[in-house]
Amino acid sequence: MAATAQPQSFAKLVARMANLMVGLPDYDSYVEHRRLNHPDLPIMTREEFFRERQEARYSGKVGRCC
């Protein structure tokens, strides 16, 4: 079982790196961050998250929550 988990993790890592290289935000990291650091706040859907990141990127606004 561990032998199959490692290639999936590697593929996920490569996909994540490729997305970040072209400026696509990582939704899974966002969800993990919200659950760990802001459990009382709602979590955006994947579509809401992508739309919000696109608007922030092209509006020139840079914001960080923590």
PDB file of N, CA and C in Angstrom:
ATOM      1  N   MET A   1       0.828  -1.184   0.000  1.00  0.00           N
ATOM      2  CA  MET A   1       0.000   0.000   0.000  1.00  0.00           C
ATOM      3  C   MET A   1       0.872   1.248   0.000  1.00  0.00           C
ATOM      4  N   ALA A   2       1.952   1.244   0.749  1.00  0.00           N
ATOM      5  CA  ALA A   2       2.837   2.401   0.791  1.00  0.00           C
ATOM      6  C   ALA A   2       3.483   2.642  -0.563  1.00  0.00           C
ATOM      7  N   ALA A   3       3.724   1.559  -1.336  1.00  0.00           N
ATOM      8  CA  ALA A   3       4.363   1.706  -2.641  1.00  0.00           C
ATOM      9  C   ALA A   3       3.471   2.478  -3.603  1.00  0.00           C
ATOM     10  N   THR A   4       2.141   2.357  -3.485  1.00  0.00           N
ATOM     11  CA  THR A   4       1.256   3.099  -4.375  1.00  0.00           C
ATOM     12  C   THR A   4       1.015   4.511  -3.883  1.00  0.00           C
ATOM     13  N   ALA A   5       1.117   4.743  -2.572  1.00  0.00           N
ATOM     14  CA  ALA A   5       0.877   6.080  -2.030  1.00  0.00           C
ATOM     15  C   ALA A   5       1.976   7.050  -2.430  1.00  0.00           C
ATOM     16  N   GLN A   6       3.206   6.585  -2.512  1.00  0.00           N
ATOM     17  CA  GLN A   6       4.321   7.473  -2.824  1.00  0.00           C
ATOM     18  C   GLN A   6       4.213   8.065  -4.230  1.00  0.00           C
ATOM     19  N   PRO A   7       3.933   7.265  -5.287  1.00  0.00           N
ATOM     20  CA  PRO A   7       3.789   7.884  -6.608  1.00  0.00           C
ATOM     21  C   PRO A   7       2.635   8.877  -6.665  1.00  0.00           C
ATOM     22  N   GLN A   8       1.533   8.604  -5.938  1.00  0.00           N
ATOM     23  CA  GLN A   8       0.422   9.548  -5.931  1.00  0.00           C
ATOM     24  C   GLN A   8       0.834  10.840  -5.251  1.00  0.00           C
ATOM     25  N   SER A   9       1.586  10.739  -4.169  1.00  0.00           N
ATOM     26  CA  SER A   9       2.051  11.929  -3.480  1.00  0.00           C
ATOM     27  C   SER A   9       2.986  12.722  -4.372  1.00  0.00           C
ATOM     28  N   PHE A  10       3.859  12.025  -5.099  1.00  0.00           N
ATOM     29  CA  PHE A  10       4.785  12.703  -6.004  1.00  0.00           C
ATOM     30  C   PHE A  10       4.015  13.402  -7.124  1.00  0.00           C
ATOM     31  N   ALA A  11       3.029  12.725  -7.686  1.00  0.00           N
ATOM     32  CA  ALA A  11       2.218  13.326  -8.745  1.00  0.00           C
ATOM     33  C   ALA A  11       1.465  14.547  -8.219  1.00  0.00           C
ATOM     34  N   LYS A  12       0.956  14.446  -7.011  1.00  0.00           N
ATOM     35  CA  LYS A  12       0.238  15.578  -6.416  1.00  0.00           C
ATOM     36  C   LYS A  12       1.188  16.749  -6.186  1.00  0.00           C
ATOM     37  N   LEU A  13       2.403  16.441  -5.736  1.00  0.00           N
ATOM     38  CA  LEU A  13       3.406  17.488  -5.514  1.00  0.00           C
ATOM     39  C   LEU A  13       3.769  18.170  -6.827  1.00  0.00           C
ATOM     40  N   VAL A  14       3.971  17.393  -7.883  1.00  0.00           N
ATOM     41  CA  VAL A  14       4.312  17.962  -9.188  1.00  0.00           C
ATOM     42  C   VAL A  14       3.172  18.842  -9.699  1.00  0.00           C
ATOM     43  N   ALA A  15       1.937  18.372  -9.569  1.00  0.00           N
ATOM     44  CA  ALA A  15       0.783  19.159 -10.004  1.00  0.00           C
ATOM     45  C   ALA A  15       0.680  20.456  -9.212  1.00  0.00           C
ATOM     46  N   ARG A  16       0.922  20.372  -7.926  1.00  0.00           N
ATOM     47  CA  ARG A  16       0.871  21.565  -7.080  1.00  0.00           C
ATOM     48  C   ARG A  16       1.943  22.573  -7.480  1.00  0.00           C
ATOM     49  N   MET A  17       3.156  22.078  -7.718  1.00  0.00           N
ATOM     50  CA  MET A  17       4.249  22.961  -8.132  1.00  0.00           C
ATOM     51  C   MET A  17       3.956  23.600  -9.485  1.00  0.00           C
ATOM     52  N   ALA A  18       3.425  22.823 -10.417  1.00  0.00           N
ATOM     53  CA  ALA A  18       3.101  23.355 -11.741  1.00  0.00           C
ATOM     54  C   ALA A  18       2.034  24.438 -11.641  1.00  0.00           C
ATOM     55  N   ASN A  19       1.021  24.211 -10.825  1.00  0.00           N
ATOM     56  CA  ASN A  19      -0.026  25.213 -10.638  1.00  0.00           C
ATOM     57  C   ASN A  19       0.530  26.498 -10.037  1.00  0.00           C
ATOM     58  N   LEU A  20       1.388  26.357  -9.045  1.00  0.00           N
ATOM     59  CA  LEU A  20       1.961  27.542  -8.411  1.00  0.00           C
ATOM     60  C   LEU A  20       2.877  28.294  -9.368  1.00  0.00           C
ATOM     61  N   MET A  21       3.564  27.562 -10.249  1.00  0.00           N
ATOM     62  CA  MET A  21       4.463  28.210 -11.213  1.00  0.00           C
ATOM     63  C   MET A  21       3.696  29.085 -12.196  1.00  0.00           C
ATOM     64  N   VAL A  22       2.474  28.695 -12.531  1.00  0.00           N
ATOM     65  CA  VAL A  22       1.684  29.501 -13.473  1.00  0.00           C
ATOM     66  C   VAL A  22       0.691  30.406 -12.752  1.00  0.00           C
ATOM     67  N   GLY A  23       0.791  30.460 -11.429  1.00  0.00           N
ATOM     68  CA  GLY A  23      -0.012  31.389 -10.670  1.00  0.00           C
ATOM     69  C   GLY A  23      -1.355  30.878 -10.211  1.00  0.00           C
ATOM     70  N   LEU A  24      -1.605  29.589 -10.339  1.00  0.00           N
ATOM     71  CA  LEU A  24      -2.863  29.038  -9.852  1.00  0.00           C
ATOM     72  C   LEU A  24      -2.718  28.709  -8.374  1.00  0.00           C
ATOM     73  N   PRO A  25      -3.615  29.208  -7.560  1.00  0.00           N
ATOM     74  CA  PRO A  25      -3.527  28.942  -6.132  1.00  0.00           C
ATOM     75  C   PRO A  25      -3.883  27.496  -5.787  1.00  0.00           C
ATOM     76  N   ASP A  26      -3.429  27.058  -4.639  1.00  0.00           N
ATOM     77  CA  ASP A  26      -3.650  25.681  -4.202  1.00  0.00           C
ATOM     78  C   ASP A  26      -4.828  25.634  -3.229  1.00  0.00           C
ATOM     79  N   TYR A  27      -5.943  25.120  -3.699  1.00  0.00           N
ATOM     80  CA  TYR A  27      -7.159  25.073  -2.886  1.00  0.00           C
ATOM     81  C   TYR A  27      -6.996  24.171  -1.670  1.00  0.00           C
ATOM     82  N   ASP A  28      -6.347  23.048  -1.828  1.00  0.00           N
ATOM     83  CA  ASP A  28      -6.176  22.115  -0.708  1.00  0.00           C
ATOM     84  C   ASP A  28      -5.377  22.753   0.427  1.00  0.00           C
ATOM     85  N   SER A  29      -4.360  23.519   0.089  1.00  0.00           N
ATOM     86  CA  SER A  29      -3.584  24.208   1.129  1.00  0.00           C
ATOM     87  C   SER A  29      -4.431  25.266   1.820  1.00  0.00           C
ATOM     88  N   TYR A  30      -5.262  25.949   1.034  1.00  0.00           N
ATOM     89  CA  TYR A  30      -6.167  26.951   1.610  1.00  0.00           C
ATOM     90  C   TYR A  30      -7.108  26.302   2.621  1.00  0.00           C
ATOM     91  N   VAL A  31      -7.719  25.186   2.250  1.00  0.00           N
ATOM     92  CA  VAL A  31      -8.663  24.501   3.138  1.00  0.00           C
ATOM     93  C   VAL A  31      -7.951  24.039   4.403  1.00  0.00           C
ATOM     94  N   GLU A  32      -6.770  23.468   4.242  1.00  0.00           N
ATOM     95  CA  GLU A  32      -6.010  23.002   5.404  1.00  0.00           C
ATOM     96  C   GLU A  32      -5.677  24.174   6.328  1.00  0.00           C
ATOM     97  N   HIS A  33      -5.243  25.298   5.747  1.00  0.00           N
ATOM     98  CA  HIS A  33      -4.916  26.480   6.537  1.00  0.00           C
ATOM     99  C   HIS A  33      -6.143  26.994   7.293  1.00  0.00           C
ATOM    100  N   ARG A  34      -7.278  27.074   6.611  1.00  0.00           N
ATOM    101  CA  ARG A  34      -8.496  27.572   7.265  1.00  0.00           C
ATOM    102  C   ARG A  34      -8.911  26.658   8.405  1.00  0.00           C
ATOM    103  N   ARG A  35      -8.832  25.372   8.211  1.00  0.00           N
ATOM    104  CA  ARG A  35      -9.248  24.442   9.267  1.00  0.00           C
ATOM    105  C   ARG A  35      -8.330  24.515  10.484  1.00  0.00           C
ATOM    106  N   LEU A  36      -7.034  24.705  10.228  1.00  0.00           N
ATOM    107  CA  LEU A  36      -6.077  24.749  11.333  1.00  0.00           C
ATOM    108  C   LEU A  36      -6.080  26.093  12.062  1.00  0.00           C
ATOM    109  N   ASN A  37      -6.161  27.175  11.303  1.00  0.00           N
ATOM    110  CA  ASN A  37      -5.973  28.499  11.886  1.00  0.00           C
ATOM    111  C   ASN A  37      -7.245  29.310  12.076  1.00  0.00           C
ATOM    112  N   HIS A  38      -8.288  28.976  11.353  1.00  0.00           N
ATOM    113  CA  HIS A  38      -9.534  29.740  11.433  1.00  0.00           C
ATOM    114  C   HIS A  38     -10.729  28.787  11.432  1.00  0.00           C
ATOM    115  N   PRO A  39     -10.803  27.886  12.401  1.00  0.00           N
ATOM    116  CA  PRO A  39     -11.875  26.882  12.374  1.00  0.00           C
ATOM    117  C   PRO A  39     -13.270  27.465  12.527  1.00  0.00           C
ATOM    118  N   ASP A  40     -13.368  28.691  13.037  1.00  0.00           N
ATOM    119  CA  ASP A  40     -14.672  29.316  13.230  1.00  0.00           C
ATOM    120  C   ASP A  40     -15.184  30.044  11.989  1.00  0.00           C
ATOM    121  N   LEU A  41     -14.350  30.172  10.964  1.00  0.00           N
ATOM    122  CA  LEU A  41     -14.735  30.893   9.753  1.00  0.00           C
ATOM    123  C   LEU A  41     -15.143  29.913   8.656  1.00  0.00           C
ATOM    124  N   PRO A  42     -16.058  30.355   7.774  1.00  0.00           N
ATOM    125  CA  PRO A  42     -16.478  29.459   6.682  1.00  0.00           C
ATOM    126  C   PRO A  42     -15.356  29.242   5.667  1.00  0.00           C
ATOM    127  N   ILE A  43     -15.435  28.127   4.979  1.00  0.00           N
ATOM    128  CA  ILE A  43     -14.464  27.791   3.941  1.00  0.00           C
ATOM    129  C   ILE A  43     -15.143  27.961   2.589  1.00  0.00           C
ATOM    130  N   MET A  44     -14.493  28.709   1.715  1.00  0.00           N
ATOM    131  CA  MET A  44     -15.052  28.929   0.380  1.00  0.00           C
ATOM    132  C   MET A  44     -15.056  27.621  -0.405  1.00  0.00           C
ATOM    133  N   THR A  45     -16.010  27.521  -1.321  1.00  0.00           N
ATOM    134  CA  THR A  45     -15.999  26.388  -2.237  1.00  0.00           C
ATOM    135  C   THR A  45     -14.810  26.556  -3.184  1.00  0.00           C
ATOM    136  N   ARG A  46     -14.487  25.519  -3.925  1.00  0.00           N
ATOM    137  CA  ARG A  46     -13.376  25.593  -4.872  1.00  0.00           C
ATOM    138  C   ARG A  46     -13.618  26.705  -5.904  1.00  0.00           C
ATOM    139  N   GLU A  47     -14.858  26.826  -6.365  1.00  0.00           N
ATOM    140  CA  GLU A  47     -15.182  27.854  -7.354  1.00  0.00           C
ATOM    141  C   GLU A  47     -15.056  29.256  -6.751  1.00  0.00           C
ATOM    142  N   GLU A  48     -15.565  29.425  -5.521  1.00  0.00           N
ATOM    143  CA  GLU A  48     -15.457  30.730  -4.858  1.00  0.00           C
ATOM    144  C   GLU A  48     -13.999  31.098  -4.619  1.00  0.00           C
ATOM    145  N   PHE A  49     -13.212  30.105  -4.189  1.00  0.00           N
ATOM    146  CA  PHE A  49     -11.800  30.341  -3.933  1.00  0.00           C
ATOM    147  C   PHE A  49     -11.077  30.765  -5.209  1.00  0.00           C
ATOM    148  N   PHE A  50     -11.302  30.053  -6.299  1.00  0.00           N
ATOM    149  CA  PHE A  50     -10.639  30.371  -7.559  1.00  0.00           C
ATOM    150  C   PHE A  50     -11.038  31.760  -8.041  1.00  0.00           C
ATOM    151  N   ARG A  51     -12.335  32.082  -7.956  1.00  0.00           N
ATOM    152  CA  ARG A  51     -12.821  33.396  -8.388  1.00  0.00           C
ATOM    153  C   ARG A  51     -12.201  34.507  -7.540  1.00  0.00           C
ATOM    154  N   GLU A  52     -12.159  34.310  -6.226  1.00  0.00           N
ATOM    155  CA  GLU A  52     -11.593  35.316  -5.321  1.00  0.00           C
ATOM    156  C   GLU A  52     -10.115  35.529  -5.606  1.00  0.00           C
ATOM    157  N   ARG A  53      -9.377  34.454  -5.852  1.00  0.00           N
ATOM    158  CA  ARG A  53      -7.934  34.560  -6.145  1.00  0.00           C
ATOM    159  C   ARG A  53      -7.693  35.258  -7.475  1.00  0.00           C
ATOM    160  N   GLN A  54      -8.539  34.972  -8.470  1.00  0.00           N
ATOM    161  CA  GLN A  54      -8.398  35.632  -9.772  1.00  0.00           C
ATOM    162  C   GLN A  54      -8.666  37.125  -9.642  1.00  0.00           C
ATOM    163  N   GLU A  55      -9.716  37.483  -8.910  1.00  0.00           N
ATOM    164  CA  GLU A  55     -10.035  38.902  -8.717  1.00  0.00           C
ATOM    165  C   GLU A  55      -8.910  39.611  -7.964  1.00  0.00           C
ATOM    166  N   ALA A  56      -8.370  38.988  -6.942  1.00  0.00           N
ATOM    167  CA  ALA A  56      -7.281  39.585  -6.183  1.00  0.00           C
ATOM    168  C   ALA A  56      -6.032  39.732  -7.048  1.00  0.00           C
ATOM    169  N   ARG A  57      -5.775  38.748  -7.867  1.00  0.00           N
ATOM    170  CA  ARG A  57      -4.579  38.776  -8.712  1.00  0.00           C
ATOM    171  C   ARG A  57      -4.648  39.896  -9.741  1.00  0.00           C
ATOM    172  N   TYR A  58      -5.781  40.036 -10.387  1.00  0.00           N
ATOM    173  CA  TYR A  58      -5.874  41.009 -11.467  1.00  0.00           C
ATOM    174  C   TYR A  58      -6.313  42.393 -11.006  1.00  0.00           C
ATOM    175  N   SER A  59      -6.728  42.543  -9.762  1.00  0.00           N
ATOM    176  CA  SER A  59      -7.073  43.858  -9.249  1.00  0.00           C
ATOM    177  C   SER A  59      -5.840  44.548  -8.659  1.00  0.00           C
ATOM    178  N   GLY A  60      -4.778  43.794  -8.484  1.00  0.00           N
ATOM    179  CA  GLY A  60      -3.565  44.360  -7.919  1.00  0.00           C
ATOM    180  C   GLY A  60      -3.545  44.363  -6.407  1.00  0.00           C
ATOM    181  N   LYS A  61      -4.613  43.888  -5.798  1.00  0.00           N
ATOM    182  CA  LYS A  61      -4.668  43.829  -4.345  1.00  0.00           C
ATOM    183  C   LYS A  61      -3.913  42.604  -3.864  1.00  0.00           C
ATOM    184  N   VAL A  62      -3.085  42.814  -2.891  1.00  0.00           N
ATOM    185  CA  VAL A  62      -2.365  41.697  -2.294  1.00  0.00           C
ATOM    186  C   VAL A  62      -2.783  41.623  -0.841  1.00  0.00           C
ATOM    187  N   GLY A  63      -3.292  40.496  -0.461  1.00  0.00           N
ATOM    188  CA  GLY A  63      -3.731  40.347   0.912  1.00  0.00           C
ATOM    189  C   GLY A  63      -3.347  38.995   1.474  1.00  0.00           C
ATOM    190  N   ARG A  64      -3.011  39.009   2.713  1.00  0.00           N
ATOM    191  CA  ARG A  64      -2.688  37.760   3.394  1.00  0.00           C
ATOM    192  C   ARG A  64      -3.526  37.730   4.664  1.00  0.00           C
ATOM    193  N   CYS A  65      -3.971  36.571   5.010  1.00  0.00           N
ATOM    194  CA  CYS A  65      -4.826  36.510   6.186  1.00  0.00           C
ATOM    195  C   CYS A  65      -4.022  36.434   7.475  1.00  0.00           C
ATOM    196  N   CYS A  66      -2.857  35.834   7.449  1.00  0.00           N
ATOM    197  CA  CYS A  66      -2.054  35.691   8.676  1.00  0.00           C
ATOM    198  C   CYS A  66      -0.641  36.177   8.447  1.00  0.00           C
TER     199      CYS A  66
END
